[in-house]
Amino acid sequence: SPKMDLLHSNGVLIIQHLQRDYRAYQDFLNFMSHVGDPRNIFSIYFPLWFQLNQVVGTKMIWVAVIGDWFNLIFKWILFGHRPYWWVQETMIYPNQSSPCLEQFPITCETGPGSPSGHAMGSSCVWYVMVTAALSYTVRWKDKSAVTLHRLTRSFLWSIFWIIQIIVCISRVFIATHFPHQVILGVFAGILVAEAFEHTPAIQTASLRMYIKTNLFLFVFALGFYLVLRLLDIDLLWSVPKAKKWCANPDWINIDTTPFAGLVRNLGALFGLGLGINSEMFITSCKGKNSCKISFRILCIAASLAMLQLYNFIKIPTHTEYLFYILSFCKSAAMPLTVVALVPYCVHSLMRTTEKKLN
């Protein structure tokens, strides 16, 4: 539509301005784009917070998974273009003089562009972390403590918005999103995170509940896809565009396709449910060692180290269905490691050490 073309063309002008005037900050902006990657929730933020506060860690996974699921559905509904291919196909520029947008190794995402998954994932997880940190200070009653709480609240929310703004700028800078797409992503992420502030049932969910939720999310997304295919609407329309207009074919990654994100998130949620309802979790995280600072520090260090090792596991991409199955298994293994395996090993090690000392 003319209005959308005008919005896109104005977005292209902003991208050109950023790529011209902020080139000196290219490495920093690329780094901040990685910071906003939803996969960091499972490999960095979650292991840190779960060992410090299991309630917050559990909420973080639920918010990330449900938020990314909504992001997928919204992308399928909104059919948002990405700048790096839109400028090549639009007819609004005279004499085919389309603007030149620089691309980067992280530019060529293959899914639709609206809303931004990075902006949505970043805002929802940082919203959870900020509200969790402020929940400790809100209980302070004396006058000086109340003043400190207000200062802390102002500081943390300032940090929150600074990070969101920089993540948004970074996604626009690399020409993978238009400005309106990242703004929509930020506010959508906040709405999802706020909804889970009033959903305490996730803390006591059984393994059956986790499995039912996984099945619902998968069946709904697959059913939505198949129904629209029957209506001759291809929800994977963006993949050929990404392959056609990406400056380097090596930058195209199957891990950025819509179903890859869905499978990854379902695996993480299943792994969390399996871990929380396991005997290893009950033995270690509910035992006497769970209150010790040394236990938590060891769990954090071991969890982060183990999850970095998972990054070296390269899943073969030559067969798409095999990739999805292995991706689900790998994603399930990560929260299972953080929740059950690592705490149980640390608990056993500490118990063995205590017996030797006695």
Foldseek 3Di string as FASTA:
>chain_A
DVVVVVLLVVLVVVLVVCCVVVVVCLVVLVVLLVVLPLVCLLQPVLLQVCLVPVLLSLLLLVLSQVQLLVQLVVQLVVQAAFQLLCQQPDPPDPPSPGDDADADLQQLFQAHPAAPSSLLSLLQSLLSVLVVVLVVQVPDDDDVSVVVSVVSNVVSVVVSVVSSVSNLSSNSNNRNHGSVNSVRSNVSSVVSNVVSVPVSVSVVDALVNLVVVLVVSVCVVVVVQVVVVVVVDHNSVRNVSSCVRPPDNVSDDPCSGSVNSNLLSSLQSSLLNPLCNDPQLCPQCVDPCSPDPVLSVQLSVVLSVVSVVLVPDDQDPPDPVSSSVVSSNSSSVNNNCSRGVSRSVSRVVVVVVVVVVD
